[in-house]
Amino acid sequence: MLPQLQRDLATEVDHIDGLGPLGPRGFDPANWQAMSKRHHSRKTARETFGTS
């Protein structure tokens, strides 16, 4: 039997449009997605600084 994949728990809310809570869709639930701290930090760094 194969071991189950282990995934980070989603502990943060990401704003899909990347503008955060002060953007025009900041409080629109359709603009939110759950992400782990690790993945949210990577996405934010990539969008802010152009790094991975």
N, C-alpha and C. Protein backbone atom coordinates (compact mmCIF):
# COMPACT_ATOMS: atom_id res chain seq x y z
N MET A 1 0.84 -1.17 0.00
CA MET A 1 0.00 0.00 0.00
C MET A 1 0.89 1.25 0.00
N LEU A 2 0.52 2.24 -0.79
CA LEU A 2 1.28 3.48 -0.86
C LEU A 2 0.98 4.37 0.34
N PRO A 3 1.97 5.08 0.84
CA PRO A 3 1.71 6.00 1.96
C PRO A 3 0.87 7.18 1.48
N GLN A 4 0.07 7.71 2.38
CA GLN A 4 -0.74 8.87 2.03
C GLN A 4 0.15 10.10 1.89
N LEU A 5 -0.20 10.96 0.96
CA LEU A 5 0.54 12.21 0.81
C LEU A 5 0.29 13.09 2.01
N GLN A 6 1.31 13.74 2.46
CA GLN A 6 1.14 14.68 3.56
C GLN A 6 1.20 16.09 2.98
N ARG A 7 0.21 16.86 3.31
CA ARG A 7 0.13 18.23 2.81
C ARG A 7 0.10 19.19 3.98
N ASP A 8 0.62 20.37 3.73
CA ASP A 8 0.55 21.41 4.75
C ASP A 8 -0.90 21.80 4.97
N LEU A 9 -1.25 22.07 6.21
CA LEU A 9 -2.60 22.54 6.49
C LEU A 9 -2.75 23.99 6.04
N ALA A 10 -3.92 24.31 5.53
CA ALA A 10 -4.20 25.69 5.15
C ALA A 10 -4.44 26.48 6.43
N THR A 11 -3.61 27.49 6.64
CA THR A 11 -3.71 28.30 7.85
C THR A 11 -3.84 29.78 7.53
N GLU A 12 -3.79 30.14 6.24
CA GLU A 12 -3.86 31.54 5.85
C GLU A 12 -4.85 31.73 4.72
N VAL A 13 -5.35 32.94 4.62
CA VAL A 13 -6.25 33.30 3.52
C VAL A 13 -5.47 34.13 2.52
N ASP A 14 -5.48 33.69 1.27
CA ASP A 14 -4.80 34.42 0.20
C ASP A 14 -5.83 35.20 -0.59
N HIS A 15 -5.46 36.43 -0.96
CA HIS A 15 -6.30 37.23 -1.85
C HIS A 15 -5.84 36.95 -3.27
N ILE A 16 -6.69 36.32 -4.05
CA ILE A 16 -6.33 35.85 -5.38
C ILE A 16 -5.85 36.99 -6.27
N ASP A 17 -6.50 38.17 -6.17
CA ASP A 17 -6.09 39.28 -7.03
C ASP A 17 -4.76 39.89 -6.61
N GLY A 18 -4.23 39.47 -5.46
CA GLY A 18 -2.93 39.90 -5.02
C GLY A 18 -2.87 41.28 -4.40
N LEU A 19 -4.01 41.94 -4.25
CA LEU A 19 -4.02 43.29 -3.71
C LEU A 19 -4.26 43.32 -2.21
N GLY A 20 -4.51 42.18 -1.62
CA GLY A 20 -4.70 42.11 -0.17
C GLY A 20 -6.02 42.68 0.30
N PRO A 21 -6.17 42.82 1.61
CA PRO A 21 -7.45 43.25 2.18
C PRO A 21 -7.82 44.69 1.84
N LEU A 22 -6.87 45.50 1.40
CA LEU A 22 -7.19 46.89 1.06
C LEU A 22 -7.51 47.08 -0.41
N GLY A 23 -7.41 46.02 -1.20
CA GLY A 23 -7.74 46.11 -2.62
C GLY A 23 -9.24 46.18 -2.83
N PRO A 24 -9.67 46.41 -4.07
CA PRO A 24 -11.09 46.57 -4.35
C PRO A 24 -11.92 45.31 -4.07
N ARG A 25 -11.27 44.16 -4.05
CA ARG A 25 -11.99 42.91 -3.77
C ARG A 25 -11.52 42.29 -2.46
N GLY A 26 -10.97 43.09 -1.57
CA GLY A 26 -10.38 42.61 -0.33
C GLY A 26 -11.33 41.83 0.56
N PHE A 27 -12.61 42.22 0.58
CA PHE A 27 -13.57 41.55 1.44
C PHE A 27 -14.57 40.71 0.65
N ASP A 28 -14.23 40.39 -0.59
CA ASP A 28 -15.08 39.55 -1.44
C ASP A 28 -14.65 38.09 -1.27
N PRO A 29 -15.51 37.26 -0.68
CA PRO A 29 -15.13 35.85 -0.46
C PRO A 29 -14.75 35.11 -1.74
N ALA A 30 -15.23 35.55 -2.89
CA ALA A 30 -14.86 34.90 -4.15
C ALA A 30 -13.40 35.18 -4.50
N ASN A 31 -12.78 36.12 -3.82
CA ASN A 31 -11.39 36.48 -4.06
C ASN A 31 -10.45 35.84 -3.03
N TRP A 32 -10.94 34.96 -2.21
CA TRP A 32 -10.14 34.32 -1.17
C TRP A 32 -9.87 32.87 -1.52
N GLN A 33 -8.69 32.40 -1.10
CA GLN A 33 -8.39 30.97 -1.16
C GLN A 33 -7.54 30.60 0.04
N ALA A 34 -7.76 29.41 0.55
CA ALA A 34 -7.00 28.93 1.71
C ALA A 34 -5.65 28.41 1.22
N MET A 35 -4.59 28.79 1.95
CA MET A 35 -3.25 28.32 1.61
C MET A 35 -2.46 28.06 2.89
N SER A 36 -1.47 27.19 2.78
CA SER A 36 -0.56 26.99 3.90
C SER A 36 0.36 28.21 4.00
N LYS A 37 0.97 28.39 5.15
CA LYS A 37 1.90 29.50 5.36
C LYS A 37 3.02 29.45 4.33
N ARG A 38 3.57 28.26 4.11
CA ARG A 38 4.69 28.09 3.18
C ARG A 38 4.30 28.51 1.76
N HIS A 39 3.16 28.04 1.28
CA HIS A 39 2.74 28.36 -0.08
C HIS A 39 2.32 29.82 -0.22
N HIS A 40 1.67 30.36 0.80
CA HIS A 40 1.27 31.76 0.75
C HIS A 40 2.50 32.67 0.72
N SER A 41 3.52 32.34 1.51
CA SER A 41 4.75 33.14 1.51
C SER A 41 5.44 33.09 0.15
N ARG A 42 5.48 31.93 -0.46
CA ARG A 42 6.09 31.80 -1.78
C ARG A 42 5.33 32.61 -2.82
N LYS A 43 4.00 32.52 -2.80
CA LYS A 43 3.19 33.26 -3.77
C LYS A 43 3.37 34.76 -3.59
N THR A 44 3.37 35.21 -2.35
CA THR A 44 3.54 36.64 -2.07
C THR A 44 4.91 37.12 -2.53
N ALA A 45 5.96 36.35 -2.26
CA ALA A 45 7.30 36.73 -2.69
C ALA A 45 7.39 36.80 -4.21
N ARG A 46 6.81 35.83 -4.89
CA ARG A 46 6.83 35.80 -6.35
C ARG A 46 6.10 37.01 -6.93
N GLU A 47 4.94 37.35 -6.36
CA GLU A 47 4.16 38.47 -6.87
C GLU A 47 4.78 39.82 -6.50
N THR A 48 5.46 39.90 -5.36
CA THR A 48 6.01 41.15 -4.89
C THR A 48 7.42 41.41 -5.44
N PHE A 49 8.25 40.38 -5.40
CA PHE A 49 9.66 40.56 -5.74
C PHE A 49 10.08 39.82 -7.01
N GLY A 50 9.17 39.04 -7.59
CA GLY A 50 9.50 38.30 -8.80
C GLY A 50 10.40 37.12 -8.56
N THR A 51 10.37 36.56 -7.33
CA THR A 51 11.19 35.40 -7.00
C THR A 51 10.31 34.19 -6.75
N SER A 52 10.92 33.04 -6.63
CA SER A 52 10.15 31.85 -6.27
C SER A 52 10.59 31.43 -4.94
